[in-house]
Protein backbone atom coordinates (compact mmCIF):
# COMPACT_ATOMS: atom_id res chain seq x y z
CA UNK A 1 0.00 0.00 0.00
CA UNK A 2 1.54 3.29 -1.04
CA UNK A 3 1.77 6.28 1.31
CA UNK A 4 -0.92 8.37 -0.38
CA UNK A 5 -3.49 5.59 -0.18
CA UNK A 6 -2.58 4.91 3.44
CA UNK A 7 -2.99 8.60 4.32
CA UNK A 8 -6.41 8.63 2.68
CA UNK A 9 -7.49 5.55 4.64
CA UNK A 10 -6.37 7.19 7.88
CA UNK A 11 -8.17 10.43 7.00
CA UNK A 12 -11.39 8.54 6.30
CA UNK A 13 -11.09 6.80 9.67
CA UNK A 14 -10.68 10.18 11.42
CA UNK A 15 -13.61 11.55 9.40
CA UNK A 16 -15.87 8.72 10.59
CA UNK A 17 -15.01 9.47 14.21
CA UNK A 18 -15.67 13.18 13.76
CA UNK A 19 -18.97 12.65 11.93
CA UNK A 20 -20.38 10.54 14.77
CA UNK A 21 -20.83 13.70 16.82
CA UNK A 22 -21.49 16.30 14.08
CA UNK A 23 -24.90 16.81 12.53
CA UNK A 24 -26.18 19.76 10.55
CA UNK A 25 -29.71 21.14 10.57
CA UNK A 26 -31.44 23.95 8.69
CA UNK A 27 -30.81 26.39 11.55
CA UNK A 28 -27.26 25.18 12.27
CA UNK A 29 -25.85 23.55 9.12
CA UNK A 30 -22.59 21.66 8.93
CA UNK A 31 -19.73 23.62 7.34
CA UNK A 32 -17.83 20.85 5.57
CA UNK A 33 -14.35 21.58 4.21
CA UNK A 34 -12.55 19.48 1.62
CA UNK A 35 -8.96 20.18 0.66
CA UNK A 36 -7.27 18.77 -2.41
CA UNK A 37 -3.77 19.52 -3.62
CA UNK A 38 -4.98 22.20 -6.05
CA UNK A 39 -8.29 23.46 -4.62
CA UNK A 40 -10.33 23.93 -1.45
CA UNK A 41 -14.10 23.49 -1.15
CA UNK A 42 -16.61 24.52 1.53
CA UNK A 43 -20.27 23.48 1.79
CA UNK A 44 -23.10 24.28 4.18
CA UNK A 45 -25.06 21.04 4.56
CA UNK A 46 -28.47 20.32 6.13
CA UNK A 47 -28.19 16.67 7.17
CA UNK A 48 -31.92 16.31 7.97
CA UNK A 49 -32.89 17.10 4.38
CA UNK A 50 -29.66 15.78 2.86
CA UNK A 51 -29.20 19.02 0.94
CA UNK A 52 -26.37 21.44 0.33
CA UNK A 53 -27.59 24.91 1.30
CA UNK A 54 -24.59 26.84 -0.03
CA UNK A 55 -21.13 26.21 -1.37
CA UNK A 56 -17.94 27.99 -2.33
CA UNK A 57 -14.73 26.74 -3.87
CA UNK A 58 -11.61 27.91 -5.64
CA UNK A 59 -12.95 26.19 -8.76
CA UNK A 60 -16.02 28.46 -8.76
CA UNK A 61 -13.95 31.61 -8.21
CA UNK A 62 -11.47 30.50 -10.87
CA UNK A 63 -8.53 31.26 -8.60
CA UNK A 64 -5.17 30.87 -10.30
CA UNK A 65 -3.64 29.20 -7.26
CA UNK A 66 -6.31 27.45 -5.26
CA UNK A 67 -3.95 25.37 -3.17
CA UNK A 68 -2.64 28.09 -0.87
CA UNK A 69 -3.64 29.87 2.34
CA UNK A 70 -4.70 33.10 0.59
CA UNK A 71 -7.19 31.23 -1.57
CA UNK A 72 -8.55 29.45 1.54
CA UNK A 73 -9.08 32.83 3.21
CA UNK A 74 -11.02 34.04 0.17
CA UNK A 75 -13.24 30.96 0.24
CA UNK A 76 -13.84 31.37 4.00
CA UNK A 77 -14.95 34.95 3.43
CA UNK A 78 -17.12 33.92 0.47
CA UNK A 79 -18.90 31.11 2.37
CA UNK A 80 -19.58 33.51 5.26
CA UNK A 81 -21.15 36.02 2.85
CA UNK A 82 -23.30 33.35 1.23
CA UNK A 83 -24.38 32.04 4.64
CA UNK A 84 -25.29 35.52 5.86
CA UNK A 85 -27.39 36.14 2.75
CA UNK A 86 -29.20 32.85 3.42
CA UNK A 87 -29.88 33.91 7.03
CA UNK A 88 -27.41 31.49 8.62
CA UNK A 89 -25.16 32.75 11.42
CA UNK A 90 -24.23 29.58 13.36
CA UNK A 91 -22.61 26.47 11.87
CA UNK A 92 -21.05 23.19 13.00
CA UNK A 93 -17.50 23.03 11.61
CA UNK A 94 -16.56 19.73 9.95
CA UNK A 95 -12.86 19.56 9.09
CA UNK A 96 -13.52 16.29 7.28
CA UNK A 97 -10.60 14.39 8.83
CA UNK A 98 -8.01 17.01 7.88
CA UNK A 99 -5.75 18.59 10.48
CA UNK A 100 -6.93 21.96 11.77
CA UNK A 101 -3.85 23.62 10.34
CA UNK A 102 -2.81 25.61 7.30
CA UNK A 103 -5.53 26.02 4.68
CA UNK A 104 -8.30 24.48 6.81
CA UNK A 105 -7.49 26.84 9.70
CA UNK A 106 -7.26 29.83 7.35
CA UNK A 107 -10.70 29.07 5.91
CA UNK A 108 -12.20 28.70 9.39
CA UNK A 109 -10.65 31.93 10.66
CA UNK A 110 -11.86 33.86 7.61
CA UNK A 111 -15.37 32.45 8.04
CA UNK A 112 -15.34 33.57 11.69
CA UNK A 113 -14.19 37.03 10.67
CA UNK A 114 -17.01 37.07 8.12
CA UNK A 115 -19.53 36.64 10.93
CA UNK A 116 -20.12 32.89 11.25
CA UNK A 117 -20.15 31.43 14.75
CA UNK A 118 -18.80 27.95 15.51
C-alpha atoms as a PDB file:
ATOM      1  CA  UNK A   1       0.000   0.000   0.000  1.00  0.00           C
ATOM      2  CA  UNK A   2       1.544   3.293  -1.039  1.00  0.00           C
ATOM      3  CA  UNK A   3       1.770   6.279   1.307  1.00  0.00           C
ATOM      4  CA  UNK A   4      -0.920   8.368  -0.380  1.00  0.00           C
ATOM      5  CA  UNK A   5      -3.493   5.594  -0.182  1.00  0.00           C
ATOM      6  CA  UNK A   6      -2.580   4.905   3.443  1.00  0.00           C
ATOM      7  CA  UNK A   7      -2.986   8.604   4.324  1.00  0.00           C
ATOM      8  CA  UNK A   8      -6.411   8.630   2.676  1.00  0.00           C
ATOM      9  CA  UNK A   9      -7.490   5.550   4.637  1.00  0.00           C
ATOM     10  CA  UNK A  10      -6.366   7.193   7.879  1.00  0.00           C
ATOM     11  CA  UNK A  11      -8.174  10.434   7.000  1.00  0.00           C
ATOM     12  CA  UNK A  12     -11.394   8.541   6.299  1.00  0.00           C
ATOM     13  CA  UNK A  13     -11.092   6.802   9.669  1.00  0.00           C
ATOM     14  CA  UNK A  14     -10.684  10.179  11.420  1.00  0.00           C
ATOM     15  CA  UNK A  15     -13.610  11.545   9.401  1.00  0.00           C
ATOM     16  CA  UNK A  16     -15.869   8.724  10.594  1.00  0.00           C
ATOM     17  CA  UNK A  17     -15.014   9.469  14.207  1.00  0.00           C
ATOM     18  CA  UNK A  18     -15.671  13.176  13.759  1.00  0.00           C
ATOM     19  CA  UNK A  19     -18.967  12.651  11.925  1.00  0.00           C
ATOM     20  CA  UNK A  20     -20.376  10.541  14.772  1.00  0.00           C
ATOM     21  CA  UNK A  21     -20.831  13.696  16.817  1.00  0.00           C
ATOM     22  CA  UNK A  22     -21.485  16.301  14.083  1.00  0.00           C
ATOM     23  CA  UNK A  23     -24.896  16.807  12.527  1.00  0.00           C
ATOM     24  CA  UNK A  24     -26.181  19.765  10.550  1.00  0.00           C
ATOM     25  CA  UNK A  25     -29.715  21.142  10.572  1.00  0.00           C
ATOM     26  CA  UNK A  26     -31.437  23.951   8.693  1.00  0.00           C
ATOM     27  CA  UNK A  27     -30.807  26.387  11.552  1.00  0.00           C
ATOM     28  CA  UNK A  28     -27.260  25.183  12.271  1.00  0.00           C
ATOM     29  CA  UNK A  29     -25.852  23.551   9.121  1.00  0.00           C
ATOM     30  CA  UNK A  30     -22.589  21.661   8.926  1.00  0.00           C
ATOM     31  CA  UNK A  31     -19.732  23.617   7.340  1.00  0.00           C
ATOM     32  CA  UNK A  32     -17.829  20.846   5.573  1.00  0.00           C
ATOM     33  CA  UNK A  33     -14.351  21.578   4.214  1.00  0.00           C
ATOM     34  CA  UNK A  34     -12.547  19.476   1.618  1.00  0.00           C
ATOM     35  CA  UNK A  35      -8.958  20.185   0.662  1.00  0.00           C
ATOM     36  CA  UNK A  36      -7.265  18.770  -2.414  1.00  0.00           C
ATOM     37  CA  UNK A  37      -3.768  19.516  -3.622  1.00  0.00           C
ATOM     38  CA  UNK A  38      -4.982  22.196  -6.046  1.00  0.00           C
ATOM     39  CA  UNK A  39      -8.294  23.455  -4.619  1.00  0.00           C
ATOM     40  CA  UNK A  40     -10.330  23.932  -1.452  1.00  0.00           C
ATOM     41  CA  UNK A  41     -14.095  23.493  -1.152  1.00  0.00           C
ATOM     42  CA  UNK A  42     -16.614  24.524   1.534  1.00  0.00           C
ATOM     43  CA  UNK A  43     -20.268  23.480   1.793  1.00  0.00           C
ATOM     44  CA  UNK A  44     -23.104  24.277   4.181  1.00  0.00           C
ATOM     45  CA  UNK A  45     -25.065  21.044   4.557  1.00  0.00           C
ATOM     46  CA  UNK A  46     -28.469  20.324   6.134  1.00  0.00           C
ATOM     47  CA  UNK A  47     -28.195  16.665   7.172  1.00  0.00           C
ATOM     48  CA  UNK A  48     -31.922  16.312   7.968  1.00  0.00           C
ATOM     49  CA  UNK A  49     -32.886  17.102   4.379  1.00  0.00           C
ATOM     50  CA  UNK A  50     -29.660  15.779   2.862  1.00  0.00           C
ATOM     51  CA  UNK A  51     -29.201  19.022   0.936  1.00  0.00           C
ATOM     52  CA  UNK A  52     -26.370  21.443   0.328  1.00  0.00           C
ATOM     53  CA  UNK A  53     -27.595  24.906   1.297  1.00  0.00           C
ATOM     54  CA  UNK A  54     -24.595  26.838  -0.031  1.00  0.00           C
ATOM     55  CA  UNK A  55     -21.132  26.211  -1.366  1.00  0.00           C
ATOM     56  CA  UNK A  56     -17.943  27.993  -2.331  1.00  0.00           C
ATOM     57  CA  UNK A  57     -14.728  26.745  -3.870  1.00  0.00           C
ATOM     58  CA  UNK A  58     -11.614  27.912  -5.643  1.00  0.00           C
ATOM     59  CA  UNK A  59     -12.945  26.189  -8.763  1.00  0.00           C
ATOM     60  CA  UNK A  60     -16.019  28.463  -8.764  1.00  0.00           C
ATOM     61  CA  UNK A  61     -13.952  31.607  -8.208  1.00  0.00           C
ATOM     62  CA  UNK A  62     -11.465  30.499 -10.870  1.00  0.00           C
ATOM     63  CA  UNK A  63      -8.535  31.260  -8.596  1.00  0.00           C
ATOM     64  CA  UNK A  64      -5.170  30.874 -10.301  1.00  0.00           C
ATOM     65  CA  UNK A  65      -3.638  29.201  -7.259  1.00  0.00           C
ATOM     66  CA  UNK A  66      -6.310  27.448  -5.262  1.00  0.00           C
ATOM     67  CA  UNK A  67      -3.945  25.365  -3.168  1.00  0.00           C
ATOM     68  CA  UNK A  68      -2.639  28.089  -0.868  1.00  0.00           C
ATOM     69  CA  UNK A  69      -3.640  29.875   2.338  1.00  0.00           C
ATOM     70  CA  UNK A  70      -4.697  33.100   0.593  1.00  0.00           C
ATOM     71  CA  UNK A  71      -7.192  31.229  -1.569  1.00  0.00           C
ATOM     72  CA  UNK A  72      -8.547  29.451   1.535  1.00  0.00           C
ATOM     73  CA  UNK A  73      -9.081  32.829   3.212  1.00  0.00           C
ATOM     74  CA  UNK A  74     -11.020  34.044   0.170  1.00  0.00           C
ATOM     75  CA  UNK A  75     -13.242  30.957   0.243  1.00  0.00           C
ATOM     76  CA  UNK A  76     -13.839  31.372   3.998  1.00  0.00           C
ATOM     77  CA  UNK A  77     -14.950  34.950   3.432  1.00  0.00           C
ATOM     78  CA  UNK A  78     -17.122  33.924   0.472  1.00  0.00           C
ATOM     79  CA  UNK A  79     -18.896  31.108   2.365  1.00  0.00           C
ATOM     80  CA  UNK A  80     -19.578  33.509   5.260  1.00  0.00           C
ATOM     81  CA  UNK A  81     -21.145  36.024   2.847  1.00  0.00           C
ATOM     82  CA  UNK A  82     -23.300  33.348   1.225  1.00  0.00           C
ATOM     83  CA  UNK A  83     -24.378  32.036   4.641  1.00  0.00           C
ATOM     84  CA  UNK A  84     -25.288  35.520   5.863  1.00  0.00           C
ATOM     85  CA  UNK A  85     -27.390  36.141   2.750  1.00  0.00           C
ATOM     86  CA  UNK A  86     -29.199  32.849   3.416  1.00  0.00           C
ATOM     87  CA  UNK A  87     -29.881  33.913   7.030  1.00  0.00           C
ATOM     88  CA  UNK A  88     -27.411  31.491   8.625  1.00  0.00           C
ATOM     89  CA  UNK A  89     -25.161  32.748  11.424  1.00  0.00           C
ATOM     90  CA  UNK A  90     -24.230  29.576  13.359  1.00  0.00           C
ATOM     91  CA  UNK A  91     -22.611  26.465  11.874  1.00  0.00           C
ATOM     92  CA  UNK A  92     -21.048  23.190  13.005  1.00  0.00           C
ATOM     93  CA  UNK A  93     -17.501  23.028  11.612  1.00  0.00           C
ATOM     94  CA  UNK A  94     -16.565  19.732   9.953  1.00  0.00           C
ATOM     95  CA  UNK A  95     -12.865  19.565   9.091  1.00  0.00           C
ATOM     96  CA  UNK A  96     -13.519  16.289   7.278  1.00  0.00           C
ATOM     97  CA  UNK A  97     -10.602  14.386   8.831  1.00  0.00           C
ATOM     98  CA  UNK A  98      -8.014  17.014   7.882  1.00  0.00           C
ATOM     99  CA  UNK A  99      -5.748  18.591  10.476  1.00  0.00           C
ATOM    100  CA  UNK A 100      -6.930  21.960  11.771  1.00  0.00           C
ATOM    101  CA  UNK A 101      -3.849  23.615  10.336  1.00  0.00           C
ATOM    102  CA  UNK A 102      -2.807  25.606   7.298  1.00  0.00           C
ATOM    103  CA  UNK A 103      -5.526  26.016   4.678  1.00  0.00           C
ATOM    104  CA  UNK A 104      -8.297  24.483   6.810  1.00  0.00           C
ATOM    105  CA  UNK A 105      -7.486  26.842   9.699  1.00  0.00           C
ATOM    106  CA  UNK A 106      -7.256  29.833   7.353  1.00  0.00           C
ATOM    107  CA  UNK A 107     -10.699  29.069   5.907  1.00  0.00           C
ATOM    108  CA  UNK A 108     -12.202  28.695   9.394  1.00  0.00           C
ATOM    109  CA  UNK A 109     -10.645  31.932  10.660  1.00  0.00           C
ATOM    110  CA  UNK A 110     -11.856  33.857   7.607  1.00  0.00           C
ATOM    111  CA  UNK A 111     -15.371  32.446   8.044  1.00  0.00           C
ATOM    112  CA  UNK A 112     -15.345  33.573  11.687  1.00  0.00           C
ATOM    113  CA  UNK A 113     -14.188  37.031  10.665  1.00  0.00           C
ATOM    114  CA  UNK A 114     -17.008  37.073   8.117  1.00  0.00           C
ATOM    115  CA  UNK A 115     -19.532  36.640  10.931  1.00  0.00           C
ATOM    116  CA  UNK A 116     -20.115  32.893  11.248  1.00  0.00           C
ATOM    117  CA  UNK A 117     -20.147  31.430  14.747  1.00  0.00           C
ATOM    118  CA  UNK A 118     -18.804  27.948  15.510  1.00  0.00           C
END
